[in-house]
Protein backbone atom coordinates (compact mmCIF):
# COMPACT_ATOMS: atom_id res chain seq x y z
CA MET A 1 2.53 21.84 -65.33
CA THR A 2 2.54 19.75 -62.43
CA THR A 3 0.17 16.96 -61.73
CA TYR A 4 -0.84 16.41 -58.31
CA TYR A 5 -3.09 13.37 -58.29
CA LYS A 6 -4.93 11.39 -61.06
CA LYS A 7 -8.42 9.40 -59.91
CA LEU A 8 -8.35 5.92 -61.58
CA ASP A 9 -11.54 3.59 -62.80
CA LEU A 10 -9.89 0.60 -61.42
CA ASP A 11 -12.26 -2.70 -61.83
CA ILE A 12 -12.08 -3.36 -58.43
CA ASP A 13 -14.58 -3.62 -55.68
CA HIS A 14 -13.63 -4.76 -52.78
CA LEU A 15 -15.73 -2.53 -50.31
CA GLY A 16 -15.61 -5.82 -48.00
CA PHE A 17 -11.87 -5.93 -47.59
CA ASP A 18 -11.37 -7.06 -43.62
CA ILE A 19 -8.77 -4.56 -42.55
CA THR A 20 -7.62 -7.32 -39.40
CA LYS A 21 -6.53 -9.75 -42.44
CA LEU A 22 -4.98 -6.80 -44.13
CA LYS A 23 -2.58 -5.23 -41.05
CA GLY A 24 0.13 -6.75 -40.37
CA ILE A 25 3.15 -5.27 -38.22
CA LYS A 26 3.70 -1.77 -37.60
CA LEU A 27 6.72 -0.46 -39.56
CA THR A 28 6.28 3.49 -39.13
CA GLU A 29 4.56 5.84 -36.82
CA TYR A 30 4.54 9.59 -37.56
CA GLY A 31 3.98 11.76 -34.48
CA ASN A 32 1.12 8.97 -32.93
CA ASN A 33 -1.06 9.70 -36.05
CA ILE A 34 -0.31 7.74 -38.94
CA GLY A 35 1.42 4.30 -38.95
CA TYR A 36 2.27 1.88 -42.26
CA PHE A 37 1.49 -1.45 -41.34
CA SER A 38 2.96 -4.78 -43.30
CA ILE A 39 0.54 -6.50 -45.10
CA PRO A 40 0.85 -10.26 -44.36
CA ASP A 41 -1.20 -11.94 -47.36
CA GLN A 42 0.93 -9.96 -49.98
CA ASN A 43 -0.41 -12.73 -52.84
CA TYR A 44 -3.84 -11.77 -51.69
CA ILE A 45 -3.25 -7.81 -52.61
CA ASN A 46 -1.13 -8.77 -55.60
CA ASN A 47 -3.46 -10.84 -57.56
CA ILE A 48 -6.35 -7.90 -56.80
CA PHE A 49 -4.11 -5.16 -58.12
CA ASN A 50 -0.63 -6.27 -60.41
CA PRO A 51 -3.01 -6.85 -63.58
CA PHE A 52 -3.72 -3.07 -63.52
CA PHE A 53 0.30 -2.64 -63.04
CA LYS A 54 2.48 -2.26 -66.06
CA ILE A 55 5.87 -1.82 -63.15
CA PRO A 56 5.47 -3.65 -59.72
CA PRO A 57 5.28 -1.07 -56.85
CA VAL A 58 8.66 -0.79 -54.90
CA THR A 59 6.33 -0.90 -51.72
CA THR A 60 2.84 -1.80 -50.44
CA ARG A 61 1.68 -1.51 -47.14
CA LEU A 62 -1.95 -0.76 -44.99
CA VAL A 63 -1.29 3.22 -43.95
CA GLN A 64 -4.15 4.50 -41.12
CA ALA A 65 -4.40 7.66 -39.82
CA LYS A 66 -6.04 9.38 -36.47
CA PHE A 67 -6.39 12.88 -37.34
CA ASP A 68 -5.79 15.40 -40.01
CA LEU A 69 -2.36 15.63 -42.01
CA ILE A 70 -0.56 18.88 -41.71
CA PRO A 71 1.13 19.88 -44.86
CA HIS A 72 4.15 17.76 -45.76
CA VAL A 73 5.97 15.76 -48.65
CA ASP A 74 6.45 11.93 -48.01
CA ASN A 75 9.73 10.45 -46.99
CA GLY A 76 11.49 8.46 -49.45
CA ALA A 77 8.86 8.08 -52.45
CA CYS A 78 7.76 10.25 -55.43
CA SER A 79 4.27 8.87 -55.93
CA CYS A 80 1.94 6.55 -54.91
CA LEU A 81 -1.52 4.99 -55.15
CA ASN A 82 -3.75 5.29 -52.61
CA TYR A 83 -6.73 2.53 -52.96
CA TYR A 84 -8.80 3.95 -50.40
CA ILE A 85 -11.12 1.53 -47.91
CA LEU A 86 -12.39 4.10 -45.16
CA PRO A 87 -11.32 7.83 -46.33
CA HIS A 88 -13.75 9.65 -44.27
CA ASN A 89 -15.22 12.85 -44.68
CA MET A 90 -11.66 14.08 -45.74
CA VAL A 91 -10.52 16.35 -48.19
CA THR A 92 -6.30 15.76 -49.92
CA ASN A 93 -4.89 19.31 -50.40
CA PHE A 94 -1.80 19.90 -52.53
CA TRP A 95 0.40 23.37 -52.06
CA LYS A 96 2.82 25.26 -52.76
CA PRO A 97 5.03 26.75 -50.82
CA LYS A 98 5.47 30.94 -50.19
CA GLU A 99 9.12 32.36 -50.20
CA ASN A 100 10.93 31.55 -47.33
CA ALA A 101 7.91 29.01 -45.99
CA LYS A 102 8.74 27.36 -43.15
CA LYS A 103 9.17 23.88 -42.41
CA ILE A 104 8.39 21.78 -39.09
CA LYS A 105 9.98 19.14 -37.87
CA VAL A 106 8.05 16.06 -36.72
CA PRO A 107 8.49 12.71 -35.13
CA ARG A 108 9.46 9.42 -36.93
CA ILE A 109 9.39 6.55 -35.33
CA ASP A 110 10.69 3.26 -36.95
CA ALA A 111 8.64 0.57 -35.36
CA VAL A 112 10.69 -2.42 -35.36
CA THR A 113 13.94 -0.61 -34.31
CA LYS A 114 11.97 2.25 -32.01
CA LYS A 115 14.41 4.53 -33.32
CA LEU A 116 13.33 7.87 -32.53
CA GLU A 117 14.48 10.52 -35.23
CA LEU A 118 12.92 14.16 -36.37
CA ILE A 119 12.48 14.66 -39.87
CA GLU A 120 12.31 18.01 -41.33
CA LEU A 121 9.34 17.39 -43.83
CA SER A 122 6.21 18.96 -42.52
CA TYR A 123 5.39 22.94 -43.84
CA VAL A 124 3.71 26.05 -41.80
CA LYS A 125 0.38 25.74 -43.53
CA GLU A 126 0.04 29.64 -43.18
CA ASP A 127 3.28 29.51 -45.50
CA LEU A 128 1.91 27.60 -48.12
CA ILE A 129 -0.69 28.82 -51.05
CA LEU A 130 -3.32 26.29 -51.73
CA VAL A 131 -3.30 24.81 -55.72
CA ASP A 132 -5.31 21.66 -55.54
CA SER A 133 -7.68 19.00 -53.77
CA PHE A 134 -9.68 16.16 -54.33
CA LYS A 135 -12.32 14.19 -52.05
CA ALA A 136 -11.87 10.25 -52.10
CA ASN A 137 -14.48 7.81 -51.22
CA PRO A 138 -14.61 3.96 -50.72
CA ASN A 139 -13.27 1.45 -53.65
CA GLU A 140 -11.91 4.71 -55.34
CA ALA A 141 -7.82 4.62 -56.75
CA TYR A 142 -5.96 7.91 -56.91
CA LEU A 143 -2.39 8.27 -58.02
CA LEU A 144 -0.47 10.57 -55.86
CA ASN A 145 2.53 13.33 -56.53
CA ILE A 146 3.59 12.92 -53.02
CA GLY A 147 7.24 14.24 -53.74
CA GLU A 148 4.58 17.67 -53.45
CA ILE A 149 3.24 19.43 -50.15
CA HIS A 150 -0.02 17.64 -48.96
CA SER A 151 -2.33 17.97 -46.21
CA VAL A 152 -5.44 15.63 -45.40
CA GLU A 153 -8.37 17.81 -43.44
CA THR A 154 -11.67 16.97 -42.16
CA VAL A 155 -14.18 18.93 -44.51
CA GLY A 156 -15.18 22.13 -43.03
CA GLN A 157 -12.94 21.86 -39.73
CA THR A 158 -9.64 20.87 -38.13
CA ASN A 159 -9.72 17.27 -36.85
CA THR A 160 -7.59 16.91 -33.60
CA ASN A 161 -9.47 14.72 -31.90
CA PRO A 162 -8.81 10.81 -32.55
CA LEU A 163 -11.34 9.18 -35.48
CA ASN A 164 -13.75 6.52 -33.86
CA TYR A 165 -11.76 4.39 -36.37
CA PRO A 166 -8.57 5.63 -38.46
CA ARG A 167 -8.62 6.64 -42.15
CA THR A 168 -7.74 3.44 -44.06
CA MET A 169 -5.61 2.75 -47.61
CA ILE A 170 -3.84 0.40 -49.37
CA GLN A 171 -0.74 2.30 -50.89
CA PHE A 172 1.43 1.18 -53.11
CA GLN A 173 4.80 3.06 -53.88
CA TRP A 174 7.05 3.68 -56.58
CA ASN A 175 10.57 5.23 -57.16
CA LEU A 176 9.17 7.42 -60.14
CA LYS A 177 8.07 11.00 -60.83
CA MET A 178 4.49 11.50 -61.09
CA ASP A 179 4.17 12.08 -64.71
CA GLU A 180 6.83 9.23 -65.43
CA LEU A 181 4.63 6.46 -63.29
CA MET A 182 1.58 7.90 -65.06
CA GLU A 183 3.75 6.98 -68.64
CA LYS A 184 4.62 3.67 -67.71
CA LEU A 185 1.56 2.18 -65.92
CA GLU A 186 -0.33 3.93 -68.95
CA PHE A 187 -3.05 5.72 -67.16
């Protein structure tokens, strides 16, 4: 059976994170919606989170999204831990594709090189079957199987207008499959 996510009870109470101190340069952006940013003071984050990790993450960054995220798989990593700072009233859904599910190409811009490429990581929602979901709150952490199809949606409606302030989280990524990551981190 596939594990899509797991809520973690980390003893962290940092609802007062100063996002301006966490947000460094933009590394990548998908479709003028979701941006991945460096974290300038990596030691600050490491001192808070590293005691929980038996193996260090490959990547740590700040993630911000302005709209809902269509069904997709993430580019590059298999699993991540999202620590939610401003999750809004949004639900993360996990999907399985129907036979012959159609994919969509979305623009990916490397913010440093300004290189634009179209990548085929997204899916047509009507070609998918919902299999699981969760709604995160501020100061919660979830391990996510980002190699599986997932989307993020505003509860009860589709958000096509920009949020007043972006959905914001700290994301830690590993190049391990979800079950292997849970075993190695002992969660």
